[in-house]
């Protein structure tokens, strides 16, 4: 019985790495989306605050004739209102009020001194998208130094009035960044906590897998001991008959010395039976660590047919072999040959009186599949014919199929048996194989 081969990398490490990568991607994408949404909301709040500060001036200008106000000096009501807004909003860099004919422009000059200039009136067309409803999104989508917001006022004059504010984009962004600091820290913290939780869960799972692996080893050991005990009990039970016969013949030899030749011949047959049973027992318990060899499937089937020929001829049967595998395949040649021979002999002794036993091999989904089909008596239902000392033949000792199963399982494959439609049985061997002509697993 081999040690546990729990594939930690395949069933634990890789899925957790995929889960961790998925978590990082989803968390990163979600955090990015959350960051931009929060930044947009914070930008809207800041812009809303700016617009709230300038709304009284906008409402007042929409109710008066602007042209006389533009013509007044810097101490007029309009100038005083604009100066107040400059004091209230540190990020405000300039204000421009224009009608068709003329306008004024206030901005921070040298030494942060407020400068007032007379300007020309506006042209017919505006200067791009300066709407207040788009100001929050334009705060980051544009790269100009100033965030410009313009109001088009329907005053009492003949023509509309353009009122434009220019805010320092860099300082507005800094304000948004300070407000976003807490959100960024929260996103980072929860992302790290999530990754940490995944790492802890991974560590616990690896630890649990190790414990399961140890438990699996112990179970395998118990199974090995139980199997050995079962085999020994079966062997002892199976050896009692030839031993009893041998002892009876020995007693007869003392009583009837004149028949010693016949008695000794029968005693020799008893010893041969004992030797066969012990040899089969050794085959069943032998460790299968035979190296892989390259073999052509047609040659392997032909050798099995040659070895099985005496049994087949005695039963009046013919073995028909068919290989659908091209090229050499790397397998445990001797062990697989012995297993196939056991199965062919089992089919030859299955009660089929005449006709053909079929043995075929082919590739399917990366596996090498052997199938042996006969027209014998088949197998009784609910009987594990691969168990040691289980047989349906009066002269069998019930180890041939058990040896075959152990051989195939040691090779990493499986062996199954089922009754065939129309009578008989089908024995199937499924083995991993390597196509040496291509250097890849078939």
Protein backbone atom coordinates (compact mmCIF):
# COMPACT_ATOMS: atom_id res chain seq x y z
CA UNK A 1 0.00 0.00 0.00
CA UNK A 2 1.56 3.33 -1.06
CA UNK A 3 1.68 6.42 1.10
CA UNK A 4 -0.84 9.19 0.77
CA UNK A 5 -0.43 11.38 -2.29
CA UNK A 6 -2.92 14.14 -1.47
CA UNK A 7 -2.33 16.69 -4.26
CA UNK A 8 -2.06 19.82 -2.10
CA UNK A 9 -0.95 22.05 -4.97
CA UNK A 10 -3.73 21.01 -7.30
CA UNK A 11 -6.71 20.93 -4.94
CA UNK A 12 -5.72 23.59 -2.40
CA UNK A 13 -2.94 25.94 -3.44
CA UNK A 14 -4.05 26.67 -7.00
CA UNK A 15 -7.75 27.30 -6.14
CA UNK A 16 -6.73 29.60 -3.28
CA UNK A 17 -4.31 31.51 -5.50
CA UNK A 18 -7.07 31.87 -8.09
CA UNK A 19 -9.46 33.01 -5.35
CA UNK A 20 -6.88 35.47 -4.04
CA UNK A 21 -6.26 36.84 -7.54
CA UNK A 22 -10.01 37.11 -8.12
CA UNK A 23 -10.42 38.88 -4.77
CA UNK A 24 -7.63 41.32 -5.62
CA UNK A 25 -9.12 42.02 -9.07
CA UNK A 26 -12.68 42.43 -7.80
CA UNK A 27 -11.57 44.47 -4.78
CA UNK A 28 -9.29 46.61 -6.92
CA UNK A 29 -11.97 47.24 -9.52
CA UNK A 30 -14.61 47.86 -6.86
CA UNK A 31 -12.32 50.15 -4.88
CA UNK A 32 -11.44 52.11 -8.00
CA UNK A 33 -15.10 52.47 -8.91
CA UNK A 34 -15.94 53.49 -5.34
CA UNK A 35 -13.07 55.99 -5.29
CA UNK A 36 -14.18 57.73 -8.48
CA UNK A 37 -17.81 57.76 -7.39
CA UNK A 38 -16.86 59.23 -4.00
CA UNK A 39 -14.58 61.78 -5.67
CA UNK A 40 -17.37 62.81 -8.01
CA UNK A 41 -19.78 63.20 -5.08
CA UNK A 42 -17.21 65.23 -3.12
CA UNK A 43 -16.54 67.41 -6.16
CA UNK A 44 -20.24 68.05 -6.51
CA UNK A 45 -20.45 69.07 -2.86
CA UNK A 46 -17.57 71.52 -3.22
CA UNK A 47 -18.95 72.99 -6.46
CA UNK A 48 -22.36 73.25 -4.84
CA UNK A 49 -20.80 75.25 -2.02
CA UNK A 50 -19.14 77.59 -4.52
CA UNK A 51 -22.38 78.09 -6.41
CA UNK A 52 -24.25 78.76 -3.20
CA UNK A 53 -21.82 81.58 -2.43
CA UNK A 54 -22.29 83.28 -5.81
CA UNK A 55 -26.05 82.70 -6.15
CA UNK A 56 -27.10 86.02 -4.48
CA UNK A 57 -25.03 87.99 -7.01
CA UNK A 58 -26.44 85.95 -9.91
CA UNK A 59 -30.03 86.51 -8.76
CA UNK A 60 -29.47 90.20 -8.17
CA UNK A 61 -27.91 90.79 -11.60
CA UNK A 62 -30.76 88.97 -13.32
CA UNK A 63 -33.18 91.66 -11.97
CA UNK A 64 -31.34 94.85 -12.96
CA UNK A 65 -30.04 96.59 -16.04
CA UNK A 66 -26.34 95.74 -16.08
CA UNK A 67 -25.07 98.35 -18.50
CA UNK A 68 -25.24 101.33 -16.06
CA UNK A 69 -23.52 99.23 -13.38
CA UNK A 70 -20.64 98.40 -15.70
CA UNK A 71 -20.12 102.08 -16.37
CA UNK A 72 -19.86 103.02 -12.69
CA UNK A 73 -16.60 103.25 -10.78
CA UNK A 74 -15.03 100.58 -8.56
CA UNK A 75 -16.99 101.70 -5.52
CA UNK A 76 -20.40 100.84 -6.95
CA UNK A 77 -22.67 98.16 -5.64
CA UNK A 78 -21.57 95.60 -8.26
CA UNK A 79 -17.89 96.02 -7.39
CA UNK A 80 -18.58 95.76 -3.68
CA UNK A 81 -20.55 92.53 -4.15
CA UNK A 82 -17.81 90.95 -6.25
CA UNK A 83 -15.15 91.97 -3.71
CA UNK A 84 -17.18 90.30 -0.96
CA UNK A 85 -17.33 87.08 -2.96
CA UNK A 86 -13.52 87.16 -3.40
CA UNK A 87 -13.15 87.39 0.36
CA UNK A 88 -15.61 84.54 0.97
CA UNK A 89 -14.06 82.15 -1.57
CA UNK A 90 -10.24 81.89 -1.33
CA UNK A 91 -10.15 79.62 -4.42
CA UNK A 92 -11.76 82.32 -6.61
CA UNK A 93 -9.19 83.71 -9.06
CA UNK A 94 -11.20 85.98 -11.35
CA UNK A 95 -14.71 87.28 -12.11
CA UNK A 96 -15.78 88.62 -15.46
CA UNK A 97 -19.08 90.42 -16.13
CA UNK A 98 -19.83 91.26 -19.76
CA UNK A 99 -22.66 92.63 -21.80
CA UNK A 100 -22.70 93.19 -25.53
CA UNK A 101 -21.08 96.55 -25.25
CA UNK A 102 -18.58 96.37 -22.41
CA UNK A 103 -17.54 94.49 -19.31
CA UNK A 104 -15.36 94.40 -16.21
CA UNK A 105 -12.74 91.85 -15.13
CA UNK A 106 -11.59 91.41 -11.52
CA UNK A 107 -8.67 89.11 -10.65
CA UNK A 108 -5.80 88.63 -8.20
CA UNK A 109 -2.72 90.50 -9.29
CA UNK A 110 0.75 90.87 -7.80
CA UNK A 111 0.85 90.31 -4.06
CA UNK A 112 -2.64 88.87 -4.19
CA UNK A 113 -3.98 92.39 -4.76
CA UNK A 114 -7.40 92.56 -6.37
CA UNK A 115 -7.22 94.20 -9.81
CA UNK A 116 -10.16 95.62 -11.77
CA UNK A 117 -10.04 96.14 -15.55
CA UNK A 118 -12.48 97.36 -18.15
CA UNK A 119 -12.98 94.86 -20.99
CA UNK A 120 -14.80 94.58 -24.26
CA UNK A 121 -18.22 92.99 -24.55
CA UNK A 122 -18.70 89.37 -25.48
CA UNK A 123 -19.06 88.02 -28.99
CA UNK A 124 -22.02 86.05 -30.22
CA UNK A 125 -20.61 82.59 -29.48
CA UNK A 126 -19.62 81.32 -26.06
CA UNK A 127 -16.24 79.87 -25.12
CA UNK A 128 -16.95 76.13 -24.78
CA UNK A 129 -18.79 74.22 -22.08
CA UNK A 130 -18.79 76.46 -18.99
CA UNK A 131 -22.11 75.35 -17.50
CA UNK A 132 -22.46 75.04 -13.76
CA UNK A 133 -24.12 71.60 -14.09
CA UNK A 134 -20.94 70.16 -15.62
CA UNK A 135 -18.49 71.87 -13.26
CA UNK A 136 -18.00 68.85 -10.94
CA UNK A 137 -17.08 66.50 -13.79
CA UNK A 138 -14.90 69.15 -15.50
CA UNK A 139 -12.86 69.61 -12.32
CA UNK A 140 -10.84 66.46 -13.20
CA UNK A 141 -11.54 66.05 -16.92
CA UNK A 142 -9.88 69.36 -17.84
CA UNK A 143 -6.26 70.40 -17.31
CA UNK A 144 -6.50 74.21 -17.49
CA UNK A 145 -5.36 76.11 -14.34
CA UNK A 146 -8.84 77.55 -13.77
CA UNK A 147 -12.20 75.88 -13.44
CA UNK A 148 -14.49 78.31 -15.28
CA UNK A 149 -18.23 78.52 -14.57
CA UNK A 150 -20.40 80.89 -16.58
CA UNK A 151 -23.96 82.10 -16.04
CA UNK A 152 -26.03 83.53 -18.90
CA UNK A 153 -28.38 86.10 -17.33
CA UNK A 154 -31.49 87.58 -18.87
CA UNK A 155 -31.24 91.08 -17.36
CA UNK A 156 -33.49 94.06 -17.94
CA UNK A 157 -31.25 95.23 -20.72
CA UNK A 158 -31.64 94.39 -24.36
CA UNK A 159 -29.06 91.60 -24.44
CA UNK A 160 -28.15 88.75 -22.05
CA UNK A 161 -25.29 89.23 -19.58
CA UNK A 162 -22.43 86.75 -19.18
CA UNK A 163 -21.18 86.29 -15.60
CA UNK A 164 -18.02 84.13 -15.43
CA UNK A 165 -16.15 82.84 -12.36
CA UNK A 166 -12.70 81.28 -12.50
CA UNK A 167 -11.66 79.03 -9.57
CA UNK A 168 -8.19 77.68 -8.86
CA UNK A 169 -8.36 74.06 -10.06
CA UNK A 170 -5.33 72.86 -8.09
CA UNK A 171 -6.62 74.08 -4.73
CA UNK A 172 -10.07 72.66 -5.43
CA UNK A 173 -8.51 69.29 -6.20
CA UNK A 174 -6.49 69.48 -2.99
CA UNK A 175 -9.68 70.13 -1.06
CA UNK A 176 -11.31 67.10 -2.66
CA UNK A 177 -8.18 65.03 -1.96
CA UNK A 178 -8.23 65.94 1.74
CA UNK A 179 -11.88 64.98 1.96
CA UNK A 180 -11.12 61.69 0.15
CA UNK A 181 -8.29 60.77 2.51
CA UNK A 182 -10.55 58.98 4.94
CA UNK A 183 -12.27 57.02 2.19
CA UNK A 184 -8.92 55.95 0.68
CA UNK A 185 -7.68 54.79 4.08
CA UNK A 186 -10.90 52.86 4.68
CA UNK A 187 -10.69 51.18 1.24
CA UNK A 188 -7.05 50.24 1.83
CA UNK A 189 -7.74 48.96 5.34
CA UNK A 190 -10.65 46.75 4.33
CA UNK A 191 -8.77 45.44 1.28
CA UNK A 192 -5.81 44.46 3.47
CA UNK A 193 -8.15 42.90 6.02
CA UNK A 194 -9.79 40.86 3.25
CA UNK A 195 -6.45 39.66 1.91
CA UNK A 196 -5.31 38.88 5.44
CA UNK A 197 -8.47 36.88 6.10
CA UNK A 198 -7.91 34.90 2.90
CA UNK A 199 -4.30 34.20 3.88
CA UNK A 200 -5.39 33.04 7.34
CA UNK A 201 -8.06 30.83 5.79
CA UNK A 202 -5.46 29.43 3.40
CA UNK A 203 -3.10 28.67 6.29
CA UNK A 204 -5.87 26.96 8.26
CA UNK A 205 -6.85 24.92 5.19
CA UNK A 206 -3.25 23.82 4.57
CA UNK A 207 -2.97 22.84 8.23
CA UNK A 208 -6.24 20.92 8.02
CA UNK A 209 -5.10 19.27 4.80
CA UNK A 210 -1.94 18.15 6.55
CA UNK A 211 -4.01 16.67 9.34
CA UNK A 212 -6.22 14.93 6.79
CA UNK A 213 -3.12 13.63 5.08
CA UNK A 214 -1.83 12.17 8.35
CA UNK A 215 -5.24 10.64 8.99
CA UNK A 216 -5.27 9.20 5.50
CA UNK A 217 -1.88 7.58 6.12
CA UNK A 218 -3.18 6.01 9.33
CA UNK A 219 -6.31 4.75 7.61
CA UNK A 220 -4.16 3.26 4.85
CA UNK A 221 -2.01 1.55 7.45
CA UNK A 222 -5.10 0.15 9.19
CA UNK A 223 -6.47 -0.95 5.83
CA UNK A 224 -3.18 -2.65 5.01
CA UNK A 225 -3.19 -4.51 8.32
CA UNK A 226 -6.85 -5.46 7.92
CA UNK A 227 -6.22 -6.67 4.37
CA UNK A 228 -3.20 -8.67 5.48
CA UNK A 229 -5.24 -10.25 8.28
CA UNK A 230 -8.03 -11.06 5.84
CA UNK A 231 -5.56 -12.59 3.39
CA UNK A 232 -3.89 -14.65 6.09
CA UNK A 233 -7.23 -15.91 7.35
CA UNK A 234 -8.32 -16.82 3.85
CA UNK A 235 -5.01 -18.45 3.07
CA UNK A 236 -5.06 -20.52 6.26
CA UNK A 237 -8.61 -21.60 5.50
CA UNK A 238 -7.72 -22.43 1.90
CA UNK A 239 -4.60 -24.42 2.87
CA UNK A 240 -6.39 -26.67 5.35
CA UNK A 241 -7.91 -28.87 2.65
CA UNK A 242 -4.65 -29.88 0.89
CA UNK A 243 -2.94 -30.26 4.28
CA UNK A 244 -5.73 -32.50 5.53
CA UNK A 245 -5.51 -34.56 2.33
CA UNK A 246 -1.73 -34.79 2.69
CA UNK A 247 -2.07 -35.98 6.30
CA UNK A 248 -4.70 -38.56 5.32
CA UNK A 249 -2.46 -39.91 2.55
CA UNK A 250 0.44 -40.07 5.01
CA UNK A 251 -1.71 -42.19 7.34
CA UNK A 252 -2.77 -44.39 4.40
CA UNK A 253 0.86 -44.93 3.49
CA UNK A 254 1.44 -46.46 6.91
CA UNK A 255 -1.60 -48.68 6.66
CA UNK A 256 -1.27 -49.69 3.00
CA UNK A 257 2.41 -49.65 2.07
CA UNK A 258 1.68 -51.81 -0.99
CA UNK A 259 -0.08 -48.78 -2.60
CA UNK A 260 2.71 -46.35 -1.85
CA UNK A 261 3.23 -45.30 -5.49
CA UNK A 262 -0.35 -44.12 -5.90
CA UNK A 263 -0.38 -42.52 -2.44
CA UNK A 264 2.94 -40.71 -3.01
CA UNK A 265 1.70 -39.41 -6.38
CA UNK A 266 -1.42 -38.01 -4.71
CA UNK A 267 0.70 -36.49 -1.93
CA UNK A 268 2.83 -34.83 -4.62
CA UNK A 269 -0.29 -33.31 -6.17
CA UNK A 270 -1.22 -31.95 -2.73
CA UNK A 271 2.22 -30.34 -2.43
CA UNK A 272 1.87 -28.81 -5.91
CA UNK A 273 -1.48 -27.31 -4.87
CA UNK A 274 0.12 -25.88 -1.74
CA UNK A 275 2.94 -24.39 -3.77
CA UNK A 276 0.50 -22.80 -6.25
CA UNK A 277 -1.50 -21.20 -3.48
CA UNK A 278 1.58 -19.86 -1.72
CA UNK A 279 2.96 -18.56 -5.02
CA UNK A 280 -0.30 -16.76 -5.77
CA UNK A 281 -0.24 -15.30 -2.28
CA UNK A 282 3.26 -13.92 -2.89
CA UNK A 283 2.10 -12.41 -6.19
CA UNK A 284 -0.80 -10.74 -4.41
CA UNK A 285 1.37 -9.18 -1.70
CA UNK A 286 4.39 -8.35 -3.85
CA UNK A 287 5.24 -4.66 -4.18
CA UNK A 288 4.74 -3.42 -7.72
CA UNK A 289 7.58 -1.00 -8.40
CA UNK A 290 8.51 -2.24 -11.85
CA UNK A 291 9.96 0.49 -14.10
CA UNK A 292 8.11 1.61 -17.23
CA UNK A 293 9.13 0.05 -20.53
CA UNK A 294 8.24 0.90 -24.08
CA UNK A 295 6.19 -1.78 -25.81
CA UNK A 296 4.15 -2.10 -28.97
CA UNK A 297 0.57 -3.06 -28.16
CA UNK A 298 0.33 -5.58 -31.01
CA UNK A 299 3.41 -7.39 -29.70
CA UNK A 300 2.05 -7.35 -26.13
CA UNK A 301 -1.28 -8.88 -27.18
CA UNK A 302 0.50 -11.49 -29.29
CA UNK A 303 2.65 -12.52 -26.30
CA UNK A 304 -0.42 -12.82 -24.07
CA UNK A 305 -2.09 -15.00 -26.73
CA UNK A 306 0.99 -17.25 -26.93
CA UNK A 307 1.15 -17.71 -23.15
CA UNK A 308 -2.57 -18.43 -22.92
CA UNK A 309 -2.62 -20.85 -25.85
CA UNK A 310 -2.42 -24.10 -23.79
CA UNK A 311 -5.44 -23.14 -21.70
CA UNK A 312 -7.33 -21.94 -24.78
CA UNK A 313 -6.61 -25.14 -26.72
CA UNK A 314 -7.67 -27.26 -23.76
CA UNK A 315 -10.98 -25.37 -23.68
CA UNK A 316 -11.43 -25.46 -27.47
CA UNK A 317 -11.34 -21.65 -27.73
CA UNK A 318 -9.61 -19.08 -29.92
CA UNK A 319 -8.26 -15.70 -28.80
CA UNK A 320 -8.76 -12.91 -31.32
CA UNK A 321 -6.56 -9.84 -30.67
CA UNK A 322 -7.09 -6.33 -32.05
CA UNK A 323 -4.88 -3.29 -31.37
CA UNK A 324 -5.97 0.19 -32.40
CA UNK A 325 -2.92 1.84 -30.83
CA UNK A 326 -0.12 3.03 -33.10
CA UNK A 327 3.42 3.45 -31.80
CA UNK A 328 5.13 2.38 -28.59
CA UNK A 329 3.55 3.01 -25.19
CA UNK A 330 5.42 3.19 -21.86
CA UNK A 331 3.85 0.85 -19.26
CA UNK A 332 4.91 -1.71 -16.64
CA UNK A 333 5.13 -4.33 -19.35
CA UNK A 334 5.64 -7.51 -17.31
CA UNK A 335 2.99 -6.68 -14.72
CA UNK A 336 0.40 -5.66 -17.30
CA UNK A 337 1.14 -8.76 -19.37
CA UNK A 338 0.62 -10.99 -16.32
CA UNK A 339 -2.62 -9.19 -15.47
CA UNK A 340 -3.93 -9.61 -19.03
CA UNK A 341 -2.91 -13.27 -19.00
CA UNK A 342 -4.82 -13.82 -15.75
CA UNK A 343 -7.93 -12.23 -17.25
CA UNK A 344 -7.69 -14.21 -20.48
CA UNK A 345 -7.28 -17.46 -18.53
CA UNK A 346 -10.28 -16.49 -16.39
CA UNK A 347 -12.34 -16.01 -19.56
CA UNK A 348 -11.07 -19.31 -20.99
CA UNK A 349 -12.23 -21.08 -17.82
CA UNK A 350 -15.55 -19.19 -17.60
CA UNK A 351 -17.64 -22.03 -19.04
CA UNK A 352 -17.53 -21.05 -22.72
CA UNK A 353 -17.48 -24.30 -24.72
CA UNK A 354 -16.32 -23.04 -28.10
CA UNK A 355 -15.95 -19.94 -30.21
CA UNK A 356 -13.85 -16.82 -29.78
CA UNK A 357 -12.59 -14.71 -26.88
CA UNK A 358 -11.91 -11.13 -27.97
CA UNK A 359 -9.09 -8.94 -26.61
CA UNK A 360 -8.90 -5.34 -27.85
CA UNK A 361 -6.89 -2.25 -26.91
CA UNK A 362 -7.42 1.41 -27.85
CA UNK A 363 -6.81 4.98 -26.68
CA UNK A 364 -9.54 7.14 -25.21
CA UNK A 365 -9.28 10.56 -23.49
CA UNK A 366 -5.64 10.12 -22.54
CA UNK A 367 -6.03 6.53 -21.26
CA UNK A 368 -5.05 3.11 -22.56
CA UNK A 369 -8.04 0.74 -22.49
CA UNK A 370 -7.92 -3.06 -22.74
CA UNK A 371 -11.14 -5.03 -23.08
CA UNK A 372 -11.57 -8.81 -22.92
CA UNK A 373 -14.94 -10.24 -23.95
CA UNK A 374 -16.13 -13.85 -23.60
CA UNK A 375 -19.34 -15.85 -23.91
CA UNK A 376 -19.03 -17.82 -20.69
CA UNK A 377 -21.32 -18.02 -17.68
CA UNK A 378 -20.70 -14.46 -16.53
CA UNK A 379 -20.53 -13.41 -12.88
CA UNK A 380 -23.10 -13.72 -10.10
CA UNK A 381 -24.73 -10.48 -9.02
CA UNK A 382 -23.50 -8.76 -5.83
CA UNK A 383 -20.23 -10.71 -5.84
CA UNK A 384 -16.87 -8.97 -5.66
CA UNK A 385 -14.94 -11.27 -7.98
CA UNK A 386 -11.74 -9.26 -7.44
CA UNK A 387 -11.65 -9.99 -3.70
CA UNK A 388 -9.01 -12.52 -2.60
CA UNK A 389 -10.16 -16.16 -2.39
CA UNK A 390 -13.45 -15.39 -4.20
CA UNK A 391 -13.99 -17.67 -7.18
CA UNK A 392 -16.83 -19.09 -9.25
CA UNK A 393 -14.80 -22.09 -10.49
CA UNK A 394 -14.70 -25.39 -8.58
CA UNK A 395 -10.94 -25.76 -9.18
CA UNK A 396 -9.92 -22.13 -8.66
CA UNK A 397 -8.34 -20.61 -5.58
CA UNK A 398 -9.68 -17.07 -6.03
CA UNK A 399 -6.42 -15.13 -6.35
CA UNK A 400 -5.99 -14.59 -10.10
CA UNK A 401 -8.39 -11.65 -10.45
CA UNK A 402 -7.26 -10.19 -7.11
CA UNK A 403 -3.67 -10.23 -8.37
CA UNK A 404 -4.77 -8.61 -11.63
CA UNK A 405 -6.59 -5.82 -9.82
CA UNK A 406 -3.62 -5.09 -7.56
CA UNK A 407 -1.30 -5.04 -10.58
CA UNK A 408 -3.49 -2.58 -12.50
CA UNK A 409 -4.06 -0.31 -9.48
CA UNK A 410 -0.30 -0.25 -8.84
CA UNK A 411 0.03 0.99 -12.42
CA UNK A 412 -2.40 3.84 -11.68
CA UNK A 413 -5.33 2.27 -13.48
CA UNK A 414 -8.57 0.43 -12.78
CA UNK A 415 -10.03 -2.95 -13.68
CA UNK A 416 -13.75 -3.69 -13.85
CA UNK A 417 -15.96 -6.62 -14.78
CA UNK A 418 -19.55 -6.75 -15.91
CA UNK A 419 -21.86 -9.26 -17.51
CA UNK A 420 -22.15 -9.06 -21.26
CA UNK A 421 -25.43 -8.60 -23.06
CA UNK A 422 -26.39 -11.93 -24.60
CA UNK A 423 -24.27 -13.92 -22.12
CA UNK A 424 -20.68 -13.84 -21.02
CA UNK A 425 -18.58 -11.17 -19.41
CA UNK A 426 -16.56 -8.05 -20.27
CA UNK A 427 -13.35 -7.32 -18.39
CA UNK A 428 -11.95 -3.83 -18.87
CA UNK A 429 -8.51 -2.51 -17.89
CA UNK A 430 -7.97 1.26 -17.94
CA UNK A 431 -4.33 2.38 -17.69
CA UNK A 432 -2.41 5.61 -18.03
CA UNK A 433 -0.02 5.39 -20.96
CA UNK A 434 2.60 7.54 -22.66
CA UNK A 435 2.95 7.68 -26.40
CA UNK A 436 6.76 7.66 -26.70
CA UNK A 437 6.64 8.57 -30.37
CA UNK A 438 5.21 12.00 -29.45
CA UNK A 439 6.60 12.31 -25.93
CA UNK A 440 3.24 13.15 -24.43
CA UNK A 441 0.65 11.37 -22.35
CA UNK A 442 -1.92 9.71 -24.56
